[in-house]
Amino acid sequence: MTRLIDLTPLAPVTDVPAATAFFQDVLGFELVAAFDGFAYLRRDGATIRLIMARGDMNDAARQQGYYIDVEDVDALHETLLPALSKLPETHHQPPADTSYGQREFVVVYEALMLVFGQPIPKEPS
């Protein structure tokens, strides 16, 4: 079975650059990566992923989010698929590559959005 690596909260905000500045300037976090509508910050062993709040973030099923880094997202998804296939379609998204360099799948349970992901390996230059 694949091993879970880390758990990082996803925090929806209305202004990612302003929230990023707050986390850096007020709380002493360092910016690890930023993309349109997304920022990943770290301080010591603590990390947070800021995401732009969109219309679907008002959905009660997406009010809490957790990003769980894994070693092999596809293997984990395959392992969980028998149980995931029993969920309503709106409560599960299969693995997909993102524009911000992660491969992820999403599971929604009541008020929790769980995103399991891993970095997409970079092509050798």
N, C-alpha and C. Protein backbone atom coordinates (compact mmCIF):
# COMPACT_ATOMS: atom_id res chain seq x y z
N MET A 1 0.85 -1.17 0.00
CA MET A 1 0.00 0.00 0.00
C MET A 1 0.90 1.24 0.00
N THR A 2 0.51 2.26 -0.76
CA THR A 2 1.30 3.47 -0.83
C THR A 2 1.20 4.26 0.48
N ARG A 3 2.27 4.94 0.82
CA ARG A 3 2.40 5.65 2.09
C ARG A 3 1.98 7.11 1.94
N LEU A 4 1.17 7.62 2.88
CA LEU A 4 0.84 9.04 2.91
C LEU A 4 2.06 9.81 3.39
N ILE A 5 2.30 10.99 2.83
CA ILE A 5 3.51 11.76 3.13
C ILE A 5 3.23 12.96 4.03
N ASP A 6 2.19 13.73 3.72
CA ASP A 6 1.97 14.98 4.43
C ASP A 6 0.51 15.37 4.31
N LEU A 7 0.07 16.26 5.18
CA LEU A 7 -1.28 16.80 5.15
C LEU A 7 -1.17 18.31 5.21
N THR A 8 -1.71 19.02 4.19
CA THR A 8 -1.61 20.46 4.11
C THR A 8 -3.00 21.06 3.94
N PRO A 9 -3.39 22.02 4.78
CA PRO A 9 -4.71 22.62 4.61
C PRO A 9 -4.77 23.48 3.35
N LEU A 10 -5.95 23.46 2.70
CA LEU A 10 -6.26 24.36 1.60
C LEU A 10 -7.13 25.47 2.19
N ALA A 11 -6.74 26.70 2.04
CA ALA A 11 -7.48 27.81 2.62
C ALA A 11 -8.03 28.71 1.53
N PRO A 12 -9.34 28.70 1.30
CA PRO A 12 -9.91 29.60 0.30
C PRO A 12 -9.87 31.04 0.79
N VAL A 13 -9.39 31.93 -0.06
CA VAL A 13 -9.30 33.36 0.26
C VAL A 13 -9.83 34.17 -0.93
N THR A 14 -10.21 35.41 -0.67
CA THR A 14 -10.76 36.23 -1.75
C THR A 14 -9.67 36.95 -2.55
N ASP A 15 -8.47 37.05 -1.99
CA ASP A 15 -7.37 37.75 -2.67
C ASP A 15 -6.07 37.01 -2.33
N VAL A 16 -5.63 36.14 -3.23
CA VAL A 16 -4.44 35.30 -2.96
C VAL A 16 -3.19 36.15 -2.74
N PRO A 17 -2.89 37.17 -3.57
CA PRO A 17 -1.68 37.97 -3.30
C PRO A 17 -1.71 38.66 -1.93
N ALA A 18 -2.85 39.22 -1.55
CA ALA A 18 -2.94 39.88 -0.24
C ALA A 18 -2.78 38.87 0.89
N ALA A 19 -3.41 37.71 0.75
CA ALA A 19 -3.28 36.67 1.79
C ALA A 19 -1.84 36.15 1.84
N THR A 20 -1.19 36.01 0.69
CA THR A 20 0.21 35.58 0.65
C THR A 20 1.08 36.58 1.39
N ALA A 21 0.86 37.86 1.14
CA ALA A 21 1.63 38.90 1.83
C ALA A 21 1.41 38.83 3.33
N PHE A 22 0.17 38.58 3.76
CA PHE A 22 -0.11 38.45 5.19
C PHE A 22 0.68 37.30 5.79
N PHE A 23 0.63 36.13 5.14
CA PHE A 23 1.33 34.97 5.67
C PHE A 23 2.84 35.18 5.69
N GLN A 24 3.37 35.90 4.70
CA GLN A 24 4.80 36.18 4.68
C GLN A 24 5.17 37.26 5.69
N ASP A 25 4.49 38.40 5.60
CA ASP A 25 4.88 39.57 6.38
C ASP A 25 4.48 39.48 7.85
N VAL A 26 3.34 38.90 8.12
CA VAL A 26 2.84 38.86 9.49
C VAL A 26 3.24 37.56 10.20
N LEU A 27 3.16 36.45 9.49
CA LEU A 27 3.39 35.15 10.13
C LEU A 27 4.74 34.53 9.82
N GLY A 28 5.54 35.16 8.96
CA GLY A 28 6.88 34.68 8.68
C GLY A 28 6.99 33.46 7.80
N PHE A 29 5.97 33.19 6.99
CA PHE A 29 6.02 32.07 6.06
C PHE A 29 6.87 32.45 4.85
N GLU A 30 7.44 31.45 4.20
CA GLU A 30 8.18 31.66 2.95
C GLU A 30 7.34 31.12 1.81
N LEU A 31 7.31 31.87 0.71
CA LEU A 31 6.58 31.45 -0.47
C LEU A 31 7.38 30.36 -1.19
N VAL A 32 6.77 29.20 -1.38
CA VAL A 32 7.40 28.09 -2.07
C VAL A 32 7.04 28.12 -3.55
N ALA A 33 5.76 28.37 -3.85
CA ALA A 33 5.30 28.40 -5.24
C ALA A 33 4.03 29.24 -5.32
N ALA A 34 3.86 29.91 -6.45
CA ALA A 34 2.64 30.69 -6.67
C ALA A 34 2.24 30.58 -8.13
N PHE A 35 0.96 30.44 -8.36
CA PHE A 35 0.38 30.39 -9.69
C PHE A 35 -0.89 31.23 -9.64
N ASP A 36 -1.55 31.41 -10.76
CA ASP A 36 -2.78 32.17 -10.80
C ASP A 36 -3.81 31.55 -9.85
N GLY A 37 -4.19 32.28 -8.82
CA GLY A 37 -5.20 31.79 -7.89
C GLY A 37 -4.71 30.78 -6.87
N PHE A 38 -3.40 30.68 -6.68
CA PHE A 38 -2.85 29.65 -5.79
C PHE A 38 -1.51 30.11 -5.23
N ALA A 39 -1.27 29.82 -3.96
CA ALA A 39 0.04 30.04 -3.35
C ALA A 39 0.31 28.93 -2.35
N TYR A 40 1.55 28.48 -2.32
CA TYR A 40 1.98 27.43 -1.39
C TYR A 40 3.07 28.04 -0.52
N LEU A 41 2.82 28.04 0.80
CA LEU A 41 3.75 28.68 1.74
C LEU A 41 4.19 27.70 2.81
N ARG A 42 5.39 27.93 3.33
CA ARG A 42 5.95 27.04 4.35
C ARG A 42 6.70 27.85 5.40
N ARG A 43 6.56 27.41 6.62
CA ARG A 43 7.39 27.91 7.71
C ARG A 43 7.74 26.71 8.57
N ASP A 44 9.04 26.42 8.67
CA ASP A 44 9.50 25.23 9.38
C ASP A 44 8.78 24.02 8.79
N GLY A 45 8.09 23.26 9.62
CA GLY A 45 7.36 22.08 9.14
C GLY A 45 5.91 22.36 8.81
N ALA A 46 5.47 23.62 8.94
CA ALA A 46 4.07 23.98 8.68
C ALA A 46 3.91 24.48 7.25
N THR A 47 2.88 24.01 6.59
CA THR A 47 2.60 24.46 5.23
C THR A 47 1.12 24.79 5.10
N ILE A 48 0.82 25.64 4.13
CA ILE A 48 -0.56 25.98 3.81
C ILE A 48 -0.64 26.27 2.32
N ARG A 49 -1.76 25.94 1.73
CA ARG A 49 -2.01 26.22 0.33
C ARG A 49 -3.20 27.18 0.27
N LEU A 50 -2.94 28.38 -0.22
CA LEU A 50 -4.00 29.37 -0.38
C LEU A 50 -4.59 29.21 -1.76
N ILE A 51 -5.91 29.17 -1.85
CA ILE A 51 -6.58 29.03 -3.14
C ILE A 51 -7.65 30.11 -3.27
N MET A 52 -7.85 30.58 -4.49
CA MET A 52 -8.85 31.59 -4.75
C MET A 52 -10.24 31.01 -4.54
N ALA A 53 -11.03 31.64 -3.68
CA ALA A 53 -12.40 31.21 -3.45
C ALA A 53 -13.20 31.48 -4.71
N ARG A 54 -13.86 30.47 -5.20
CA ARG A 54 -14.70 30.60 -6.39
C ARG A 54 -16.13 30.25 -6.00
N GLY A 55 -17.03 30.34 -6.92
CA GLY A 55 -18.44 30.07 -6.62
C GLY A 55 -18.67 28.74 -5.95
N ASP A 56 -17.95 27.69 -6.40
CA ASP A 56 -18.19 26.36 -5.82
C ASP A 56 -17.68 26.26 -4.39
N MET A 57 -16.86 27.23 -3.94
CA MET A 57 -16.38 27.19 -2.56
C MET A 57 -17.50 27.53 -1.59
N ASN A 58 -18.62 28.07 -2.09
CA ASN A 58 -19.77 28.32 -1.24
C ASN A 58 -20.55 27.05 -0.96
N ASP A 59 -20.28 26.01 -1.73
CA ASP A 59 -20.90 24.71 -1.52
C ASP A 59 -20.44 24.18 -0.16
N ALA A 60 -21.37 23.78 0.68
CA ALA A 60 -21.02 23.30 2.03
C ALA A 60 -20.03 22.14 1.97
N ALA A 61 -20.06 21.37 0.89
CA ALA A 61 -19.16 20.21 0.76
C ALA A 61 -17.71 20.63 0.52
N ARG A 62 -17.47 21.93 0.33
CA ARG A 62 -16.10 22.38 0.06
C ARG A 62 -15.65 23.45 1.06
N GLN A 63 -16.24 23.49 2.23
CA GLN A 63 -15.90 24.52 3.19
C GLN A 63 -14.62 24.21 3.96
N GLN A 64 -14.19 23.01 4.01
CA GLN A 64 -12.91 22.63 4.62
C GLN A 64 -12.14 21.82 3.60
N GLY A 65 -10.87 22.13 3.44
CA GLY A 65 -10.07 21.40 2.48
C GLY A 65 -8.76 20.94 3.07
N TYR A 66 -8.33 19.75 2.69
CA TYR A 66 -7.05 19.21 3.14
C TYR A 66 -6.33 18.63 1.95
N TYR A 67 -5.07 19.01 1.78
CA TYR A 67 -4.23 18.48 0.71
C TYR A 67 -3.33 17.43 1.32
N ILE A 68 -3.39 16.23 0.80
CA ILE A 68 -2.60 15.11 1.34
C ILE A 68 -1.60 14.68 0.27
N ASP A 69 -0.32 14.95 0.53
CA ASP A 69 0.74 14.56 -0.40
C ASP A 69 0.97 13.05 -0.29
N VAL A 70 1.06 12.40 -1.42
CA VAL A 70 1.27 10.95 -1.45
C VAL A 70 2.41 10.60 -2.39
N GLU A 71 2.94 9.41 -2.24
CA GLU A 71 4.04 8.96 -3.10
C GLU A 71 3.57 8.59 -4.50
N ASP A 72 2.41 7.96 -4.60
CA ASP A 72 1.91 7.50 -5.90
C ASP A 72 0.40 7.69 -5.93
N VAL A 73 -0.03 8.84 -6.46
CA VAL A 73 -1.45 9.20 -6.45
C VAL A 73 -2.30 8.21 -7.24
N ASP A 74 -1.78 7.71 -8.36
CA ASP A 74 -2.56 6.77 -9.16
C ASP A 74 -2.73 5.42 -8.44
N ALA A 75 -1.68 4.96 -7.78
CA ALA A 75 -1.77 3.70 -7.04
C ALA A 75 -2.75 3.83 -5.88
N LEU A 76 -2.70 4.96 -5.18
CA LEU A 76 -3.64 5.16 -4.07
C LEU A 76 -5.07 5.22 -4.60
N HIS A 77 -5.28 5.94 -5.69
CA HIS A 77 -6.62 6.03 -6.27
C HIS A 77 -7.13 4.64 -6.66
N GLU A 78 -6.28 3.86 -7.27
CA GLU A 78 -6.67 2.50 -7.68
C GLU A 78 -7.06 1.67 -6.47
N THR A 79 -6.31 1.82 -5.38
CA THR A 79 -6.61 1.09 -4.15
C THR A 79 -7.97 1.51 -3.58
N LEU A 80 -8.26 2.81 -3.64
CA LEU A 80 -9.49 3.33 -3.06
C LEU A 80 -10.70 3.26 -4.00
N LEU A 81 -10.47 2.98 -5.28
CA LEU A 81 -11.53 3.05 -6.29
C LEU A 81 -12.76 2.21 -5.97
N PRO A 82 -12.64 1.00 -5.43
CA PRO A 82 -13.87 0.26 -5.12
C PRO A 82 -14.80 1.03 -4.18
N ALA A 83 -14.25 1.69 -3.18
CA ALA A 83 -15.07 2.48 -2.26
C ALA A 83 -15.49 3.80 -2.89
N LEU A 84 -14.58 4.44 -3.63
CA LEU A 84 -14.90 5.72 -4.26
C LEU A 84 -16.01 5.60 -5.28
N SER A 85 -16.06 4.48 -5.97
CA SER A 85 -17.07 4.30 -7.01
C SER A 85 -18.48 4.23 -6.43
N LYS A 86 -18.60 4.03 -5.13
CA LYS A 86 -19.91 3.99 -4.47
C LYS A 86 -20.39 5.39 -4.07
N LEU A 87 -19.51 6.37 -4.14
CA LEU A 87 -19.87 7.74 -3.79
C LEU A 87 -20.65 8.39 -4.93
N PRO A 88 -21.48 9.41 -4.62
CA PRO A 88 -22.10 10.17 -5.70
C PRO A 88 -21.03 10.79 -6.59
N GLU A 89 -21.33 10.95 -7.87
CA GLU A 89 -20.34 11.50 -8.81
C GLU A 89 -19.79 12.84 -8.36
N THR A 90 -20.60 13.65 -7.70
CA THR A 90 -20.16 14.97 -7.25
C THR A 90 -19.20 14.90 -6.07
N HIS A 91 -18.97 13.72 -5.52
CA HIS A 91 -18.12 13.57 -4.35
C HIS A 91 -16.77 12.93 -4.67
N HIS A 92 -16.48 12.78 -5.95
CA HIS A 92 -15.21 12.15 -6.33
C HIS A 92 -14.80 12.62 -7.71
N GLN A 93 -13.54 13.04 -7.83
CA GLN A 93 -12.96 13.37 -9.13
C GLN A 93 -11.74 12.48 -9.33
N PRO A 94 -11.61 11.82 -10.46
CA PRO A 94 -10.46 10.93 -10.69
C PRO A 94 -9.16 11.71 -10.85
N PRO A 95 -8.03 11.01 -10.81
CA PRO A 95 -6.74 11.70 -10.95
C PRO A 95 -6.66 12.50 -12.25
N ALA A 96 -6.08 13.68 -12.12
CA ALA A 96 -5.88 14.54 -13.28
C ALA A 96 -4.66 15.42 -13.04
N ASP A 97 -3.97 15.76 -14.11
CA ASP A 97 -2.84 16.67 -14.03
C ASP A 97 -3.38 18.10 -13.96
N THR A 98 -2.73 18.92 -13.15
CA THR A 98 -3.16 20.30 -12.99
C THR A 98 -2.19 21.24 -13.70
N SER A 99 -2.63 22.47 -13.89
CA SER A 99 -1.78 23.48 -14.53
C SER A 99 -0.65 23.93 -13.61
N TYR A 100 -0.75 23.61 -12.31
CA TYR A 100 0.28 24.03 -11.35
C TYR A 100 1.23 22.90 -10.98
N GLY A 101 1.30 21.86 -11.84
CA GLY A 101 2.34 20.85 -11.69
C GLY A 101 2.07 19.72 -10.73
N GLN A 102 0.83 19.49 -10.38
CA GLN A 102 0.48 18.40 -9.50
C GLN A 102 -0.45 17.44 -10.23
N ARG A 103 -0.42 16.19 -9.84
CA ARG A 103 -1.41 15.19 -10.28
C ARG A 103 -2.24 14.91 -9.05
N GLU A 104 -3.57 15.04 -9.17
CA GLU A 104 -4.43 15.00 -8.00
C GLU A 104 -5.74 14.27 -8.27
N PHE A 105 -6.35 13.78 -7.17
CA PHE A 105 -7.75 13.39 -7.21
C PHE A 105 -8.43 13.94 -5.98
N VAL A 106 -9.74 14.15 -6.09
CA VAL A 106 -10.51 14.81 -5.04
C VAL A 106 -11.58 13.87 -4.50
N VAL A 107 -11.75 13.92 -3.18
CA VAL A 107 -12.83 13.19 -2.51
C VAL A 107 -13.54 14.19 -1.60
N VAL A 108 -14.86 14.22 -1.65
CA VAL A 108 -15.65 15.09 -0.80
C VAL A 108 -16.45 14.24 0.17
N TYR A 109 -16.37 14.61 1.43
CA TYR A 109 -17.15 13.93 2.47
C TYR A 109 -17.76 15.01 3.36
N GLU A 110 -19.08 15.09 3.39
CA GLU A 110 -19.79 16.12 4.15
C GLU A 110 -19.16 17.48 3.89
N ALA A 111 -18.59 18.14 4.89
CA ALA A 111 -18.01 19.47 4.71
C ALA A 111 -16.51 19.44 4.44
N LEU A 112 -15.96 18.31 4.08
CA LEU A 112 -14.52 18.19 3.83
C LEU A 112 -14.24 17.92 2.36
N MET A 113 -13.24 18.64 1.83
CA MET A 113 -12.72 18.34 0.50
C MET A 113 -11.30 17.84 0.72
N LEU A 114 -11.05 16.60 0.36
CA LEU A 114 -9.73 16.00 0.49
C LEU A 114 -9.11 15.88 -0.89
N VAL A 115 -7.94 16.48 -1.05
CA VAL A 115 -7.23 16.42 -2.32
C VAL A 115 -5.95 15.63 -2.09
N PHE A 116 -5.81 14.53 -2.80
CA PHE A 116 -4.62 13.68 -2.74
C PHE A 116 -3.78 14.00 -3.96
N GLY A 117 -2.49 14.29 -3.76
CA GLY A 117 -1.70 14.67 -4.91
C GLY A 117 -0.22 14.43 -4.76
N GLN A 118 0.45 14.58 -5.89
CA GLN A 118 1.90 14.45 -5.96
C GLN A 118 2.41 15.32 -7.10
N PRO A 119 3.66 15.76 -7.02
CA PRO A 119 4.21 16.55 -8.13
C PRO A 119 4.28 15.70 -9.41
N ILE A 120 4.02 16.35 -10.53
CA ILE A 120 4.22 15.69 -11.82
C ILE A 120 5.70 15.71 -12.10
N PRO A 121 6.31 14.55 -12.40
CA PRO A 121 7.76 14.54 -12.68
C PRO A 121 8.08 15.47 -13.85
N LYS A 122 9.15 16.22 -13.69
CA LYS A 122 9.58 17.14 -14.75
C LYS A 122 10.30 16.37 -15.83
N GLU A 123 10.07 16.79 -17.06
CA GLU A 123 10.76 16.19 -18.20
C GLU A 123 12.23 16.56 -18.14
N PRO A 124 13.14 15.60 -18.39
CA PRO A 124 14.56 15.95 -18.40
C PRO A 124 14.86 16.95 -19.51
N SER A 125 15.73 17.90 -19.19
CA SER A 125 16.07 18.95 -20.18
C SER A 125 17.16 18.47 -21.10
